[in-house]
Amino acid sequence: MRNRLVKSMDRNTVMDMMYLSNSGEVSKRRIDVLRVGEVSFWAYCHLRRSKRTFTIDNVLALVPIIATESRVI
């Protein structure tokens, strides 16, 4: 999981993340990864509209958001 976070940070990719909080709640968040440490990472959370710290082991799923351009003719 840490490698995917590092790649996301290097490529500046927006990700959808399923996250398990310390209290046991599962949440879906859209994030921009800012910095990755050994145990945790820092990201801008679009849900909370702020920079947050997350534990890498609590990430359940991580999926890149692929934006497609819409064409106007």
N, C-alpha and C. Protein backbone atom coordinates (compact mmCIF):
# COMPACT_ATOMS: atom_id res chain seq x y z
N MET A 1 0.83 -1.20 0.00
CA MET A 1 0.00 0.00 0.00
C MET A 1 0.88 1.26 0.00
N ARG A 2 1.99 1.21 0.73
CA ARG A 2 2.86 2.36 0.81
C ARG A 2 3.40 2.75 -0.58
N ASN A 3 3.72 1.74 -1.40
CA ASN A 3 4.23 2.01 -2.74
C ASN A 3 3.19 2.72 -3.60
N ARG A 4 1.93 2.33 -3.46
CA ARG A 4 0.85 2.99 -4.23
C ARG A 4 0.68 4.44 -3.80
N LEU A 5 0.84 4.69 -2.50
CA LEU A 5 0.74 6.06 -1.99
C LEU A 5 1.88 6.91 -2.52
N VAL A 6 3.09 6.35 -2.55
CA VAL A 6 4.25 7.09 -3.07
C VAL A 6 4.06 7.40 -4.56
N LYS A 7 3.59 6.43 -5.33
CA LYS A 7 3.33 6.65 -6.75
C LYS A 7 2.28 7.73 -6.96
N SER A 8 1.23 7.70 -6.15
CA SER A 8 0.18 8.71 -6.24
C SER A 8 0.73 10.09 -5.96
N MET A 9 1.60 10.20 -4.97
CA MET A 9 2.20 11.48 -4.63
C MET A 9 3.11 11.96 -5.77
N ASP A 10 3.94 11.06 -6.31
CA ASP A 10 4.86 11.43 -7.38
C ASP A 10 4.13 11.85 -8.65
N ARG A 11 3.02 11.20 -8.93
CA ARG A 11 2.26 11.49 -10.16
C ARG A 11 1.16 12.52 -9.95
N ASN A 12 1.00 12.98 -8.70
CA ASN A 12 -0.01 13.99 -8.38
C ASN A 12 -1.41 13.51 -8.77
N THR A 13 -1.72 12.26 -8.42
CA THR A 13 -2.99 11.63 -8.76
C THR A 13 -3.98 11.73 -7.60
N VAL A 14 -5.21 12.09 -7.92
CA VAL A 14 -6.27 12.09 -6.91
C VAL A 14 -6.74 10.65 -6.73
N MET A 15 -6.94 10.25 -5.47
CA MET A 15 -7.30 8.87 -5.16
C MET A 15 -8.60 8.80 -4.35
N ASP A 16 -9.37 7.73 -4.56
CA ASP A 16 -10.48 7.39 -3.67
C ASP A 16 -9.96 6.35 -2.71
N MET A 17 -10.24 6.54 -1.42
CA MET A 17 -9.71 5.66 -0.40
C MET A 17 -10.83 5.19 0.52
N MET A 18 -10.82 3.91 0.84
CA MET A 18 -11.67 3.36 1.89
C MET A 18 -10.76 3.25 3.11
N TYR A 19 -11.20 3.84 4.23
CA TYR A 19 -10.33 3.96 5.40
C TYR A 19 -11.06 3.50 6.65
N LEU A 20 -10.35 2.76 7.49
CA LEU A 20 -10.87 2.28 8.76
C LEU A 20 -10.28 3.14 9.86
N SER A 21 -11.14 3.90 10.56
CA SER A 21 -10.65 4.78 11.63
C SER A 21 -10.30 3.96 12.86
N ASN A 22 -9.61 4.58 13.80
CA ASN A 22 -9.23 3.89 15.03
C ASN A 22 -10.45 3.47 15.85
N SER A 23 -11.57 4.18 15.66
CA SER A 23 -12.79 3.82 16.38
C SER A 23 -13.59 2.71 15.68
N GLY A 24 -13.12 2.25 14.51
CA GLY A 24 -13.77 1.15 13.82
C GLY A 24 -14.73 1.55 12.72
N GLU A 25 -14.85 2.83 12.44
CA GLU A 25 -15.75 3.30 11.38
C GLU A 25 -15.04 3.27 10.03
N VAL A 26 -15.77 2.84 9.00
CA VAL A 26 -15.24 2.83 7.65
C VAL A 26 -15.77 4.05 6.92
N SER A 27 -14.87 4.77 6.23
CA SER A 27 -15.29 5.94 5.47
C SER A 27 -14.64 5.93 4.09
N LYS A 28 -15.32 6.56 3.15
CA LYS A 28 -14.78 6.72 1.80
C LYS A 28 -14.34 8.17 1.67
N ARG A 29 -13.10 8.37 1.26
CA ARG A 29 -12.56 9.72 1.15
C ARG A 29 -11.84 9.90 -0.17
N ARG A 30 -11.90 11.08 -0.72
CA ARG A 30 -11.13 11.45 -1.90
C ARG A 30 -9.94 12.25 -1.40
N ILE A 31 -8.72 11.83 -1.76
CA ILE A 31 -7.53 12.44 -1.20
C ILE A 31 -6.50 12.81 -2.26
N ASP A 32 -5.65 13.77 -1.92
CA ASP A 32 -4.44 14.11 -2.65
C ASP A 32 -3.29 13.82 -1.68
N VAL A 33 -2.44 12.87 -2.00
CA VAL A 33 -1.34 12.50 -1.11
C VAL A 33 -0.26 13.58 -1.15
N LEU A 34 0.13 14.07 0.03
CA LEU A 34 1.11 15.14 0.14
C LEU A 34 2.49 14.64 0.56
N ARG A 35 2.51 13.70 1.51
CA ARG A 35 3.78 13.18 2.03
C ARG A 35 3.54 11.80 2.61
N VAL A 36 4.51 10.89 2.41
CA VAL A 36 4.38 9.52 2.89
C VAL A 36 5.53 9.22 3.84
N GLY A 37 5.19 8.76 5.04
CA GLY A 37 6.18 8.33 6.02
C GLY A 37 6.23 6.82 6.09
N GLU A 38 6.88 6.30 7.11
CA GLU A 38 6.99 4.84 7.28
C GLU A 38 5.67 4.22 7.76
N VAL A 39 4.97 4.89 8.66
CA VAL A 39 3.77 4.33 9.28
C VAL A 39 2.51 5.09 8.87
N SER A 40 2.66 6.36 8.56
CA SER A 40 1.50 7.20 8.24
C SER A 40 1.78 8.05 7.01
N PHE A 41 0.73 8.70 6.53
CA PHE A 41 0.89 9.62 5.41
C PHE A 41 -0.02 10.82 5.61
N TRP A 42 0.33 11.90 4.96
CA TRP A 42 -0.41 13.14 5.05
C TRP A 42 -1.06 13.39 3.70
N ALA A 43 -2.32 13.79 3.74
CA ALA A 43 -3.06 14.01 2.50
C ALA A 43 -4.09 15.10 2.70
N TYR A 44 -4.44 15.74 1.58
CA TYR A 44 -5.57 16.67 1.61
C TYR A 44 -6.82 15.83 1.44
N CYS A 45 -7.73 15.91 2.39
CA CYS A 45 -8.98 15.15 2.36
C CYS A 45 -10.08 16.06 1.82
N HIS A 46 -10.67 15.68 0.69
CA HIS A 46 -11.74 16.48 0.09
C HIS A 46 -13.01 16.43 0.92
N LEU A 47 -13.23 15.33 1.66
CA LEU A 47 -14.41 15.20 2.52
C LEU A 47 -14.38 16.22 3.65
N ARG A 48 -13.26 16.34 4.32
CA ARG A 48 -13.11 17.26 5.45
C ARG A 48 -12.57 18.63 5.05
N ARG A 49 -12.14 18.74 3.79
CA ARG A 49 -11.58 19.99 3.25
C ARG A 49 -10.42 20.51 4.09
N SER A 50 -9.53 19.58 4.45
CA SER A 50 -8.34 19.95 5.23
C SER A 50 -7.27 18.89 5.07
N LYS A 51 -6.06 19.23 5.50
CA LYS A 51 -4.96 18.27 5.49
C LYS A 51 -5.12 17.36 6.69
N ARG A 52 -4.96 16.05 6.46
CA ARG A 52 -5.17 15.07 7.51
C ARG A 52 -4.02 14.07 7.52
N THR A 53 -3.85 13.41 8.66
CA THR A 53 -2.85 12.35 8.81
C THR A 53 -3.59 11.02 8.88
N PHE A 54 -3.15 10.05 8.09
CA PHE A 54 -3.77 8.73 8.05
C PHE A 54 -2.72 7.66 8.34
N THR A 55 -3.14 6.57 8.94
CA THR A 55 -2.27 5.43 9.18
C THR A 55 -2.33 4.50 7.97
N ILE A 56 -1.17 4.14 7.45
CA ILE A 56 -1.12 3.33 6.23
C ILE A 56 -1.81 1.98 6.44
N ASP A 57 -1.64 1.37 7.60
CA ASP A 57 -2.25 0.06 7.86
C ASP A 57 -3.77 0.10 7.92
N ASN A 58 -4.36 1.28 8.09
CA ASN A 58 -5.82 1.41 8.16
C ASN A 58 -6.47 1.64 6.79
N VAL A 59 -5.68 1.74 5.74
CA VAL A 59 -6.21 1.92 4.39
C VAL A 59 -6.72 0.56 3.91
N LEU A 60 -8.00 0.49 3.59
CA LEU A 60 -8.61 -0.76 3.11
C LEU A 60 -8.52 -0.90 1.60
N ALA A 61 -8.69 0.22 0.88
CA ALA A 61 -8.62 0.21 -0.59
C ALA A 61 -8.18 1.59 -1.06
N LEU A 62 -7.49 1.60 -2.19
CA LEU A 62 -6.98 2.83 -2.77
C LEU A 62 -7.11 2.73 -4.28
N VAL A 63 -7.90 3.63 -4.88
CA VAL A 63 -8.18 3.57 -6.32
C VAL A 63 -7.95 4.95 -6.92
N PRO A 64 -7.18 5.02 -8.02
CA PRO A 64 -6.96 6.32 -8.66
C PRO A 64 -8.23 6.82 -9.36
N ILE A 65 -8.40 8.13 -9.35
CA ILE A 65 -9.50 8.76 -10.08
C ILE A 65 -8.99 9.10 -11.47
N ILE A 66 -9.65 8.57 -12.47
CA ILE A 66 -9.24 8.83 -13.85
C ILE A 66 -10.23 9.81 -14.44
N ALA A 67 -9.75 11.00 -14.71
CA ALA A 67 -10.60 12.04 -15.28
C ALA A 67 -10.56 11.95 -16.80
N THR A 68 -11.71 11.99 -17.40
CA THR A 68 -11.77 12.02 -18.85
C THR A 68 -12.32 13.35 -19.30
N GLU A 69 -11.82 13.80 -20.40
CA GLU A 69 -12.29 15.08 -20.93
C GLU A 69 -13.58 14.86 -21.70
N SER A 70 -14.49 15.76 -21.50
CA SER A 70 -15.72 15.70 -22.31
C SER A 70 -15.54 16.63 -23.49
N ARG A 71 -15.96 16.16 -24.62
CA ARG A 71 -15.77 16.94 -25.84
C ARG A 71 -17.06 17.68 -26.19
N VAL A 72 -16.86 18.90 -26.59
CA VAL A 72 -17.99 19.71 -27.04
C VAL A 72 -17.79 19.95 -28.53
N ILE A 73 -18.81 19.59 -29.29
CA ILE A 73 -18.70 19.75 -30.75
C ILE A 73 -19.58 20.88 -31.20
